[in-house]
Amino acid sequence: MSSPAFRFRLATLDDAPALLSIYAPYVEKTAISFEYDVPSLDEFRRRIADISRKYPYLVAEDENGQLLGYAYTHTFIARKAYDHCAESTIYLALDARKHGLGKRFYRAIEELSLAQNIYNLYACIGEPQGADDEYLTDNSIRFHEHMGFRRIGVFTRSGCKFGRWYNMSWAEKLLMEHPEHPEPVIPFRHHRRHHRHIHLRRASRPRQADCYPDLCGRQAGAEGNVLICFDPAHRCAA
C-alpha cells in the first residue's frame, strides 16, 4: 500500500476542531481511549496549550492541509526525579492508518525527546479481552513492540468501559544510555523561541521509498532528514 504525501508541523489552537474530530471516534466507539465522553472544544484547546508548554505536539497534514493525525509526549509522573521520562500518545484519522504514519510520528517524537534530554518513553496501552473484542484490538501492543518498546507491567482490570474490565499494560523504550550526570530537561517552548524549524534525522536509514515531503515541500533525501517548522504559516524556499 502506497504512503500518502504528508508533512509534519506543530499543532496550534486553531487545529483543535480537526484534532477533536479525529479523537472523538476513539472515545465513542473504542476502548483505546478510556474517556467516556468526548471533551469539549474548549477543553481540547486547553489540553493542546498545556502540553505544548513543555512538550512537542505534532500534527501531520496532507498536501491539501487536511490533518491526518497527531502525536505528542506529556508528563509521565509529576515528580522532579521523573523529568527525564515522558509518556507518548498518538491518534490517527481512521482512514490514515496502515500507511506508516504512526511509525514516522514516533521517530520524530523520539528525536525531539532526545533534544529535550528525555531518555525514557512510556506508553499506556489497553489490552483486548480476547480476539473477538469489538472495542479493542492488539494493534497498539504490536505497534509499540515493532517500535522497540517492551512490556514492563500490567494493571489488572484497572479500566472499565462498555460494561467490561480491561487490563492496562505499560510499555517502555530507552532512547539512549543514561548519562551519569544528566543535563536538565529543556522545555520544548525554548526550542520554538530560538529556532524557526528543526531538522530531524530518522532513527534508522530509510529506504528511498520511505522518504516523504517535509513541511516546506521539499522531498526528504536519502539520509532521511525531516524538517519540522515551528511557524505553521511559514514556508521555506524549495
Protein backbone atom coordinates (compact mmCIF):
# COMPACT_ATOMS: atom_id res chain seq x y z
CA MET A 1 0.00 0.00 0.00
CA SER A 2 1.47 3.37 -1.01
CA SER A 3 2.05 6.04 1.61
CA PRO A 4 0.19 9.33 1.09
CA ALA A 5 2.18 12.56 0.98
CA PHE A 6 2.13 14.43 4.24
CA ARG A 7 4.15 16.89 6.28
CA PHE A 8 4.72 17.45 9.97
CA ARG A 9 4.23 20.69 11.84
CA LEU A 10 3.49 21.76 15.39
CA ALA A 11 -0.13 21.93 16.47
CA THR A 12 -1.85 25.26 17.08
CA LEU A 13 -5.06 26.01 18.96
CA ASP A 14 -6.76 26.50 15.58
CA ASP A 15 -6.21 22.80 14.90
CA ALA A 16 -8.40 21.81 17.85
CA PRO A 17 -11.66 21.22 15.90
CA ALA A 18 -9.98 18.92 13.36
CA LEU A 19 -7.98 17.07 16.01
CA LEU A 20 -11.05 16.63 18.18
CA SER A 21 -12.89 15.08 15.23
CA ILE A 22 -10.02 12.59 14.88
CA TYR A 23 -10.10 11.78 18.58
CA ALA A 24 -13.88 11.53 19.05
CA PRO A 25 -14.40 8.07 17.43
CA TYR A 26 -11.76 6.59 19.73
CA VAL A 27 -13.75 7.83 22.72
CA GLU A 28 -17.20 6.91 21.44
CA LYS A 29 -16.52 3.57 19.74
CA THR A 30 -13.35 2.07 21.21
CA ALA A 31 -11.56 1.27 24.44
CA ILE A 32 -8.33 2.73 23.03
CA SER A 33 -9.22 5.85 24.98
CA PHE A 34 -10.59 5.29 28.48
CA GLU A 35 -12.53 8.55 28.38
CA TYR A 36 -16.30 8.05 28.42
CA ASP A 37 -17.30 11.41 26.94
CA VAL A 38 -15.77 13.40 24.09
CA PRO A 39 -14.17 16.52 25.62
CA SER A 40 -15.50 19.94 24.72
CA LEU A 41 -13.68 22.06 22.17
CA ASP A 42 -12.55 24.45 24.90
CA GLU A 43 -11.20 21.57 26.97
CA PHE A 44 -9.34 20.16 23.97
CA ARG A 45 -7.77 23.56 23.25
CA ARG A 46 -6.69 23.74 26.89
CA ARG A 47 -5.01 20.34 26.60
CA ILE A 48 -3.06 21.41 23.50
CA ALA A 49 -1.91 24.59 25.21
CA ASP A 50 -0.92 22.82 28.43
CA ILE A 51 1.06 20.08 26.70
CA SER A 52 2.79 22.48 24.30
CA ARG A 53 4.32 24.45 27.14
CA LYS A 54 6.84 21.69 27.79
CA TYR A 55 6.49 19.02 25.11
CA PRO A 56 6.19 18.71 21.31
CA TYR A 57 2.64 18.35 19.95
CA LEU A 58 2.92 17.31 16.29
CA VAL A 59 0.29 17.09 13.59
CA ALA A 60 0.56 15.56 10.12
CA GLU A 61 -1.27 17.22 7.26
CA ASP A 62 -1.66 16.19 3.64
CA GLU A 63 -0.93 18.34 0.60
CA ASN A 64 -4.43 19.86 0.88
CA GLY A 65 -3.95 20.86 4.50
CA GLN A 66 -6.20 18.13 5.89
CA LEU A 67 -4.99 16.78 9.23
CA LEU A 68 -4.22 13.06 9.26
CA GLY A 69 -3.31 12.60 12.91
CA TYR A 70 -1.41 13.90 15.87
CA ALA A 71 1.15 12.74 18.41
CA TYR A 72 2.72 14.25 21.48
CA THR A 73 4.62 13.50 24.65
CA HIS A 74 3.47 14.57 28.08
CA THR A 75 4.26 14.23 31.76
CA PHE A 76 4.92 10.68 32.91
CA ILE A 77 4.71 11.32 36.66
CA ALA A 78 4.69 14.84 38.09
CA ARG A 79 7.72 14.49 40.35
CA LYS A 80 11.04 16.18 39.60
CA ALA A 81 13.04 12.95 39.61
CA TYR A 82 10.93 11.69 36.68
CA ASP A 83 11.74 14.70 34.46
CA HIS A 84 13.82 12.62 32.05
CA CYS A 85 10.82 10.40 31.29
CA ALA A 86 7.74 11.16 29.18
CA GLU A 87 4.58 9.36 28.08
CA SER A 88 3.74 9.20 24.38
CA THR A 89 0.30 9.49 22.78
CA ILE A 90 -0.78 9.11 19.16
CA TYR A 91 -4.10 9.20 17.32
CA LEU A 92 -4.59 8.85 13.57
CA ALA A 93 -7.61 9.58 11.42
CA LEU A 94 -9.33 6.27 10.75
CA ASP A 95 -8.56 6.42 7.01
CA ALA A 96 -4.91 7.41 7.63
CA ARG A 97 -3.94 4.18 9.38
CA LYS A 98 -1.84 1.39 7.82
CA HIS A 99 0.34 3.81 5.81
CA GLY A 100 3.37 4.00 8.10
CA LEU A 101 2.39 7.40 9.50
CA GLY A 102 2.44 6.18 13.11
CA LYS A 103 5.99 4.90 12.73
CA ARG A 104 7.18 8.24 11.36
CA PHE A 105 5.38 10.15 14.09
CA TYR A 106 7.18 8.09 16.71
CA ARG A 107 10.57 8.53 15.08
CA ALA A 108 10.08 12.29 15.18
CA ILE A 109 8.84 12.22 18.78
CA GLU A 110 11.83 10.15 19.86
CA GLU A 111 14.34 12.55 18.34
CA LEU A 112 12.59 15.59 19.76
CA SER A 113 12.59 13.90 23.17
CA LEU A 114 16.34 13.36 22.96
CA ALA A 115 16.77 17.03 22.03
CA GLN A 116 14.99 17.82 25.31
CA ASN A 117 17.23 15.41 27.28
CA ILE A 118 14.38 12.94 27.78
CA TYR A 119 15.73 9.39 27.80
CA ASN A 120 12.74 7.14 28.61
CA LEU A 121 9.43 6.95 26.76
CA TYR A 122 6.38 5.15 28.13
CA ALA A 123 3.09 4.10 26.59
CA CYS A 124 -0.06 3.11 28.46
CA ILE A 125 -1.95 0.53 26.37
CA GLY A 126 -5.30 -1.16 26.87
CA GLU A 127 -5.35 -4.92 26.35
CA PRO A 128 -8.23 -6.54 24.43
CA GLN A 129 -10.43 -9.08 26.19
CA GLY A 130 -10.00 -11.82 23.62
CA ALA A 131 -9.79 -11.91 19.83
CA ASP A 132 -13.50 -11.11 19.45
CA ASP A 133 -13.38 -7.84 21.42
CA GLU A 134 -15.21 -5.35 19.19
CA TYR A 135 -13.90 -2.33 21.09
CA LEU A 136 -10.19 -3.06 21.22
CA THR A 137 -7.56 -4.99 19.25
CA ASP A 138 -3.92 -5.76 19.94
CA ASN A 139 -2.77 -3.42 17.15
CA SER A 140 -1.34 -0.86 19.58
CA ILE A 141 0.54 -3.54 21.50
CA ARG A 142 2.08 -4.89 18.31
CA PHE A 143 2.86 -1.39 17.01
CA HIS A 144 4.79 -0.45 20.14
CA GLU A 145 6.67 -3.76 20.07
CA HIS A 146 7.64 -3.00 16.47
CA MET A 147 8.87 0.44 17.54
CA GLY A 148 11.16 -1.10 20.16
CA PHE A 149 9.03 -0.75 23.28
CA ARG A 150 8.90 -3.62 25.75
CA ARG A 151 6.05 -4.52 28.07
CA ILE A 152 7.15 -3.93 31.65
CA GLY A 153 3.97 -4.24 33.71
CA VAL A 154 0.21 -4.72 33.79
CA PHE A 155 -2.54 -3.11 35.85
CA THR A 156 -5.12 -5.87 36.13
CA ARG A 157 -8.73 -4.93 35.35
CA SER A 158 -7.91 -1.31 36.04
CA GLY A 159 -10.28 0.22 33.48
CA CYS A 160 -13.99 -0.38 32.95
CA LYS A 161 -15.63 0.74 29.70
CA PHE A 162 -18.56 -0.56 27.66
CA GLY A 163 -19.51 -2.80 30.57
CA ARG A 164 -16.28 -4.80 30.63
CA TRP A 165 -12.99 -4.70 32.51
CA TYR A 166 -9.71 -4.07 30.74
CA ASN A 167 -6.12 -4.65 31.75
CA MET A 168 -3.77 -1.73 31.15
CA SER A 169 -0.18 -2.50 30.24
CA TRP A 170 2.84 -0.23 30.40
CA ALA A 171 5.47 -0.33 27.68
CA GLU A 172 8.90 1.30 27.87
CA LYS A 173 11.59 2.37 25.42
CA LEU A 174 15.03 3.59 26.48
CA LEU A 175 16.22 6.10 23.88
CA MET A 176 19.91 6.13 24.87
CA GLU A 177 22.39 5.14 27.54
CA HIS A 178 21.67 7.14 30.64
CA PRO A 179 24.44 9.65 31.49
CA GLU A 180 25.83 9.69 34.99
CA HIS A 181 25.17 13.42 35.22
CA PRO A 182 22.14 14.20 33.03
CA GLU A 183 21.60 17.65 31.58
CA PRO A 184 18.38 19.40 32.67
CA VAL A 185 15.31 18.77 30.56
CA ILE A 186 14.75 21.60 28.09
CA PRO A 187 11.09 22.67 27.79
CA PHE A 188 10.09 22.41 24.16
CA ARG A 189 8.87 26.01 24.08
CA HIS A 190 12.55 27.06 24.34
CA HIS A 191 13.24 25.36 21.00
CA ARG A 192 10.31 27.24 19.49
CA ARG A 193 11.57 30.53 20.88
CA HIS A 194 15.08 30.28 19.47
CA HIS A 195 14.61 28.36 16.20
CA ARG A 196 12.22 28.65 13.28
CA HIS A 197 12.49 24.98 12.44
CA ILE A 198 14.36 21.84 13.42
CA HIS A 199 15.92 19.13 11.28
CA LEU A 200 15.44 15.55 12.39
CA ARG A 201 17.44 12.57 11.22
CA ARG A 202 15.30 9.48 11.15
CA ALA A 203 16.19 6.83 13.69
CA SER A 204 17.31 4.39 11.01
CA ARG A 205 18.46 4.90 7.44
CA PRO A 206 15.29 4.67 5.32
CA ARG A 207 14.63 3.04 2.01
CA GLN A 208 14.23 5.65 -0.71
CA ALA A 209 10.55 4.70 -0.97
CA ASP A 210 10.09 5.66 2.67
CA CYS A 211 11.11 9.29 2.15
CA TYR A 212 8.40 11.89 2.37
CA PRO A 213 7.94 15.66 1.97
CA ASP A 214 8.80 17.98 4.81
CA LEU A 215 6.66 20.93 5.84
CA CYS A 216 8.23 23.23 3.28
CA GLY A 217 7.50 20.98 0.32
CA ARG A 218 10.94 19.51 -0.35
CA GLN A 219 11.49 15.78 -0.59
CA ALA A 220 13.48 14.23 2.25
CA GLY A 221 16.78 12.96 0.92
CA ALA A 222 18.42 9.59 1.12
CA GLU A 223 19.66 10.39 4.63
CA GLY A 224 16.06 10.70 5.79
CA ASN A 225 16.26 14.24 7.17
CA VAL A 226 12.94 15.79 8.07
CA LEU A 227 12.18 19.46 8.63
CA ILE A 228 9.55 20.48 11.18
CA CYS A 229 8.52 24.11 11.17
CA PHE A 230 7.70 25.88 14.41
CA ASP A 231 5.68 28.50 12.49
CA PRO A 232 2.73 26.88 10.64
CA ALA A 233 2.36 29.95 8.38
CA HIS A 234 6.00 29.80 7.27
CA ARG A 235 7.06 28.19 4.01
CA CYS A 236 10.76 27.78 3.27
CA ALA A 237 12.11 28.28 -0.20
CA ALA A 238 12.18 24.98 -2.09
